[in-house]
Amino acid sequence: MSGNRLSDILDTQIIHEGGVEDAEVVARLAQACLSLKGEERPTMRQVETTLEDVHNSKVKLSSQITRVNQSAMKDQPWMGNKGGEGTRLYSLEKEIIQSSEIPR
């Protein structure tokens, strides 16, 4: 199936999320599964393996992106709470404890 016809058939969101290469792999697999000759059709195991390969390539890419983002975050200086919010929270807790200790 030509890539031009495939892009006409598939929704743009599918191509955007899955990528053109993966869409072509799945389209070729579907086309092979629809073959009238049994010898030309892939086995269920071959279908499973092909789909796992497509899935694993996405998972691997996603984990690589996550690692890059995490390493970029480590390089950024931590700004902490701006305006001393942590100090105010501690002060509020301390004030509540002190007021509960005062006899009424």
N, C-alpha and C. Protein backbone atom coordinates (compact mmCIF):
# COMPACT_ATOMS: atom_id res chain seq x y z
N MET A 1 0.86 -1.18 0.00
CA MET A 1 0.00 0.00 0.00
C MET A 1 0.90 1.23 0.00
N SER A 2 0.66 2.11 -0.92
CA SER A 2 1.52 3.28 -1.02
C SER A 2 1.26 4.24 0.13
N GLY A 3 2.31 4.95 0.52
CA GLY A 3 2.21 5.88 1.65
C GLY A 3 1.20 6.99 1.41
N ASN A 4 1.06 7.40 0.14
CA ASN A 4 0.12 8.47 -0.18
C ASN A 4 -1.32 8.01 0.06
N ARG A 5 -1.65 6.81 -0.39
CA ARG A 5 -3.00 6.29 -0.16
C ARG A 5 -3.23 6.03 1.32
N LEU A 6 -2.21 5.58 2.00
CA LEU A 6 -2.34 5.30 3.43
C LEU A 6 -2.66 6.57 4.20
N SER A 7 -2.00 7.66 3.86
CA SER A 7 -2.28 8.92 4.56
C SER A 7 -3.67 9.43 4.24
N ASP A 8 -4.22 9.07 3.08
CA ASP A 8 -5.60 9.45 2.75
C ASP A 8 -6.60 8.63 3.55
N ILE A 9 -6.27 7.37 3.82
CA ILE A 9 -7.19 6.47 4.51
C ILE A 9 -7.18 6.71 6.02
N LEU A 10 -5.98 6.84 6.58
CA LEU A 10 -5.86 6.95 8.04
C LEU A 10 -6.16 8.35 8.53
N ASP A 11 -6.66 8.41 9.73
CA ASP A 11 -6.89 9.69 10.40
C ASP A 11 -5.54 10.32 10.71
N THR A 12 -5.47 11.63 10.62
CA THR A 12 -4.19 12.31 10.86
C THR A 12 -3.70 12.12 12.29
N GLN A 13 -4.61 11.95 13.23
CA GLN A 13 -4.21 11.74 14.63
C GLN A 13 -3.45 10.42 14.77
N ILE A 14 -3.89 9.40 14.05
CA ILE A 14 -3.21 8.10 14.12
C ILE A 14 -1.80 8.22 13.57
N ILE A 15 -1.65 8.89 12.46
CA ILE A 15 -0.32 9.07 11.87
C ILE A 15 0.55 9.93 12.78
N HIS A 16 -0.05 10.95 13.38
CA HIS A 16 0.71 11.84 14.28
C HIS A 16 1.18 11.09 15.52
N GLU A 17 0.30 10.31 16.14
CA GLU A 17 0.65 9.61 17.38
C GLU A 17 1.53 8.40 17.12
N GLY A 18 1.24 7.65 16.07
CA GLY A 18 1.96 6.41 15.83
C GLY A 18 3.17 6.56 14.94
N GLY A 19 3.17 7.55 14.10
CA GLY A 19 4.27 7.73 13.17
C GLY A 19 3.98 7.04 11.85
N VAL A 20 4.52 7.60 10.80
CA VAL A 20 4.27 7.08 9.45
C VAL A 20 4.86 5.69 9.29
N GLU A 21 6.07 5.47 9.82
CA GLU A 21 6.73 4.18 9.64
C GLU A 21 5.92 3.05 10.28
N ASP A 22 5.46 3.28 11.51
CA ASP A 22 4.68 2.25 12.20
C ASP A 22 3.34 2.02 11.51
N ALA A 23 2.73 3.08 11.01
CA ALA A 23 1.47 2.93 10.28
C ALA A 23 1.67 2.10 9.03
N GLU A 24 2.79 2.29 8.35
CA GLU A 24 3.08 1.50 7.15
C GLU A 24 3.32 0.04 7.49
N VAL A 25 4.01 -0.22 8.60
CA VAL A 25 4.26 -1.60 9.03
C VAL A 25 2.94 -2.30 9.33
N VAL A 26 2.07 -1.64 10.06
CA VAL A 26 0.77 -2.24 10.42
C VAL A 26 -0.09 -2.41 9.17
N ALA A 27 -0.03 -1.46 8.24
CA ALA A 27 -0.81 -1.58 7.00
C ALA A 27 -0.32 -2.76 6.16
N ARG A 28 1.00 -2.93 6.06
CA ARG A 28 1.53 -4.08 5.32
C ARG A 28 1.13 -5.39 5.99
N LEU A 29 1.15 -5.40 7.31
CA LEU A 29 0.74 -6.60 8.05
C LEU A 29 -0.73 -6.91 7.80
N ALA A 30 -1.57 -5.89 7.85
CA ALA A 30 -3.01 -6.08 7.59
C ALA A 30 -3.24 -6.57 6.17
N GLN A 31 -2.49 -6.02 5.24
CA GLN A 31 -2.63 -6.43 3.84
C GLN A 31 -2.22 -7.89 3.68
N ALA A 32 -1.16 -8.31 4.36
CA ALA A 32 -0.73 -9.71 4.29
C ALA A 32 -1.76 -10.63 4.92
N CYS A 33 -2.40 -10.18 6.00
CA CYS A 33 -3.41 -10.99 6.68
C CYS A 33 -4.65 -11.19 5.81
N LEU A 34 -4.91 -10.27 4.90
CA LEU A 34 -6.09 -10.35 4.04
C LEU A 34 -5.85 -11.15 2.77
N SER A 35 -4.66 -11.69 2.62
CA SER A 35 -4.35 -12.48 1.43
C SER A 35 -5.25 -13.70 1.34
N LEU A 36 -5.72 -14.00 0.13
CA LEU A 36 -6.61 -15.15 -0.06
C LEU A 36 -5.86 -16.48 0.03
N LYS A 37 -4.58 -16.47 -0.29
CA LYS A 37 -3.79 -17.70 -0.23
C LYS A 37 -3.25 -17.88 1.18
N GLY A 38 -3.54 -19.02 1.77
CA GLY A 38 -3.13 -19.29 3.14
C GLY A 38 -1.63 -19.26 3.35
N GLU A 39 -0.88 -19.68 2.33
CA GLU A 39 0.59 -19.70 2.46
C GLU A 39 1.16 -18.30 2.56
N GLU A 40 0.47 -17.33 1.99
CA GLU A 40 0.96 -15.96 1.99
C GLU A 40 0.58 -15.19 3.25
N ARG A 41 -0.37 -15.73 4.00
CA ARG A 41 -0.79 -15.05 5.23
C ARG A 41 0.19 -15.35 6.36
N PRO A 42 0.47 -14.37 7.21
CA PRO A 42 1.36 -14.63 8.35
C PRO A 42 0.62 -15.45 9.41
N THR A 43 1.41 -16.16 10.20
CA THR A 43 0.82 -16.91 11.31
C THR A 43 0.47 -15.92 12.42
N MET A 44 -0.32 -16.38 13.36
CA MET A 44 -0.67 -15.51 14.49
C MET A 44 0.58 -15.12 15.27
N ARG A 45 1.52 -16.03 15.36
CA ARG A 45 2.78 -15.74 16.06
C ARG A 45 3.55 -14.64 15.34
N GLN A 46 3.58 -14.69 14.01
CA GLN A 46 4.27 -13.65 13.24
C GLN A 46 3.58 -12.29 13.42
N VAL A 47 2.25 -12.31 13.44
CA VAL A 47 1.49 -11.07 13.67
C VAL A 47 1.82 -10.52 15.05
N GLU A 48 1.81 -11.41 16.04
CA GLU A 48 2.10 -10.99 17.41
C GLU A 48 3.50 -10.38 17.51
N THR A 49 4.47 -11.05 16.91
CA THR A 49 5.86 -10.58 16.96
C THR A 49 6.00 -9.21 16.29
N THR A 50 5.36 -9.05 15.15
CA THR A 50 5.44 -7.78 14.43
C THR A 50 4.83 -6.65 15.25
N LEU A 51 3.66 -6.91 15.83
CA LEU A 51 3.01 -5.87 16.64
C LEU A 51 3.78 -5.57 17.92
N GLU A 52 4.40 -6.60 18.51
CA GLU A 52 5.24 -6.37 19.69
C GLU A 52 6.44 -5.51 19.33
N ASP A 53 7.03 -5.76 18.17
CA ASP A 53 8.18 -4.96 17.73
C ASP A 53 7.79 -3.49 17.57
N VAL A 54 6.62 -3.25 16.98
CA VAL A 54 6.14 -1.87 16.82
C VAL A 54 5.94 -1.24 18.19
N HIS A 55 5.30 -1.97 19.09
CA HIS A 55 5.04 -1.46 20.44
C HIS A 55 6.34 -1.21 21.20
N ASN A 56 7.27 -2.16 21.14
CA ASN A 56 8.53 -2.03 21.87
C ASN A 56 9.37 -0.87 21.35
N SER A 57 9.29 -0.59 20.06
CA SER A 57 10.05 0.55 19.53
C SER A 57 9.51 1.85 20.11
N LYS A 58 8.19 1.92 20.31
CA LYS A 58 7.59 3.12 20.92
C LYS A 58 7.96 3.22 22.39
N VAL A 59 7.94 2.09 23.10
CA VAL A 59 8.28 2.09 24.53
C VAL A 59 9.74 2.49 24.71
N LYS A 60 10.61 1.96 23.86
CA LYS A 60 12.03 2.28 23.95
C LYS A 60 12.27 3.76 23.69
N LEU A 61 11.60 4.31 22.69
CA LEU A 61 11.74 5.72 22.38
C LEU A 61 11.22 6.58 23.53
N SER A 62 10.10 6.17 24.10
CA SER A 62 9.51 6.91 25.22
C SER A 62 10.44 6.91 26.43
N SER A 63 11.06 5.76 26.72
CA SER A 63 11.96 5.70 27.87
C SER A 63 13.22 6.52 27.63
N GLN A 64 13.68 6.58 26.38
CA GLN A 64 14.84 7.41 26.07
C GLN A 64 14.51 8.89 26.27
N ILE A 65 13.32 9.29 25.85
CA ILE A 65 12.91 10.68 26.02
C ILE A 65 12.80 11.01 27.51
N THR A 66 12.25 10.07 28.29
CA THR A 66 12.12 10.28 29.73
C THR A 66 13.49 10.45 30.37
N ARG A 67 14.45 9.61 29.98
CA ARG A 67 15.79 9.72 30.54
C ARG A 67 16.44 11.05 30.19
N VAL A 68 16.25 11.51 28.96
CA VAL A 68 16.81 12.80 28.56
C VAL A 68 16.19 13.92 29.38
N ASN A 69 14.87 13.87 29.56
CA ASN A 69 14.19 14.90 30.36
C ASN A 69 14.65 14.87 31.81
N GLN A 70 14.84 13.68 32.37
CA GLN A 70 15.28 13.58 33.76
C GLN A 70 16.69 14.13 33.92
N SER A 71 17.57 13.82 32.98
CA SER A 71 18.93 14.34 33.09
C SER A 71 18.95 15.85 32.90
N ALA A 72 18.07 16.37 32.07
CA ALA A 72 17.99 17.83 31.90
C ALA A 72 17.48 18.49 33.18
N MET A 73 16.56 17.82 33.87
CA MET A 73 16.04 18.37 35.12
C MET A 73 17.10 18.36 36.21
N LYS A 74 17.98 17.36 36.20
CA LYS A 74 19.05 17.30 37.20
C LYS A 74 20.03 18.45 37.03
N ASP A 75 20.22 18.88 35.78
CA ASP A 75 21.15 19.97 35.50
C ASP A 75 20.60 21.33 35.88
N GLN A 76 19.28 21.43 36.05
CA GLN A 76 18.66 22.71 36.39
C GLN A 76 18.80 22.96 37.89
N PRO A 77 19.15 24.18 38.27
CA PRO A 77 19.22 24.47 39.71
C PRO A 77 17.83 24.47 40.30
N TRP A 78 17.71 23.92 41.50
CA TRP A 78 16.42 23.86 42.17
C TRP A 78 16.15 25.21 42.80
N MET A 79 14.98 25.76 42.49
CA MET A 79 14.65 27.10 42.96
C MET A 79 14.03 27.09 44.35
N GLY A 80 13.42 25.98 44.75
CA GLY A 80 12.79 25.92 46.06
C GLY A 80 11.52 26.75 46.09
N ASN A 81 11.02 26.98 47.28
CA ASN A 81 9.80 27.78 47.44
C ASN A 81 10.16 29.25 47.36
N LYS A 82 9.52 29.93 46.47
CA LYS A 82 9.73 31.37 46.36
C LYS A 82 8.87 32.07 47.39
N GLY A 83 9.38 33.08 48.01
CA GLY A 83 8.60 33.85 48.96
C GLY A 83 8.56 33.22 50.34
N GLY A 84 9.34 32.19 50.59
CA GLY A 84 9.40 31.60 51.92
C GLY A 84 8.11 30.92 52.36
N GLU A 85 7.41 30.27 51.45
CA GLU A 85 6.16 29.60 51.81
C GLU A 85 6.40 28.50 52.85
N GLY A 86 7.52 27.81 52.75
CA GLY A 86 7.82 26.76 53.71
C GLY A 86 7.98 27.32 55.11
N THR A 87 8.59 28.48 55.23
CA THR A 87 8.77 29.12 56.52
C THR A 87 7.43 29.56 57.10
N ARG A 88 6.55 30.09 56.26
CA ARG A 88 5.24 30.51 56.74
C ARG A 88 4.43 29.31 57.24
N LEU A 89 4.53 28.19 56.54
CA LEU A 89 3.81 27.00 56.95
C LEU A 89 4.30 26.53 58.31
N TYR A 90 5.61 26.52 58.49
CA TYR A 90 6.17 26.13 59.78
C TYR A 90 5.71 27.10 60.86
N SER A 91 5.71 28.38 60.57
CA SER A 91 5.28 29.38 61.56
C SER A 91 3.82 29.19 61.93
N LEU A 92 2.98 28.87 60.95
CA LEU A 92 1.57 28.65 61.23
C LEU A 92 1.38 27.43 62.12
N GLU A 93 2.11 26.36 61.84
CA GLU A 93 2.02 25.16 62.68
C GLU A 93 2.47 25.48 64.11
N LYS A 94 3.56 26.20 64.21
CA LYS A 94 4.09 26.56 65.53
C LYS A 94 3.08 27.41 66.30
N GLU A 95 2.44 28.34 65.62
CA GLU A 95 1.45 29.21 66.26
C GLU A 95 0.24 28.41 66.74
N ILE A 96 -0.21 27.45 65.95
CA ILE A 96 -1.35 26.61 66.35
C ILE A 96 -1.00 25.78 67.57
N ILE A 97 0.18 25.22 67.59
CA ILE A 97 0.61 24.41 68.74
C ILE A 97 0.70 25.27 69.99
N GLN A 98 1.28 26.45 69.86
CA GLN A 98 1.41 27.34 71.02
C GLN A 98 0.04 27.79 71.53
N SER A 99 -0.89 28.07 70.63
CA SER A 99 -2.21 28.52 71.08
C SER A 99 -2.99 27.38 71.74
N SER A 100 -2.71 26.15 71.36
CA SER A 100 -3.42 25.03 72.00
C SER A 100 -2.86 24.76 73.39
N GLU A 101 -1.63 25.19 73.66
CA GLU A 101 -1.02 24.98 74.97
C GLU A 101 -1.45 26.04 75.99
N ILE A 102 -1.97 27.15 75.53
CA ILE A 102 -2.39 28.22 76.44
C ILE A 102 -3.72 27.82 77.07
N PRO A 103 -3.78 27.81 78.42
CA PRO A 103 -5.05 27.45 79.06
C PRO A 103 -6.10 28.53 78.84
N ARG A 104 -7.33 28.09 78.70
CA ARG A 104 -8.42 29.05 78.48
C ARG A 104 -9.43 28.94 79.56
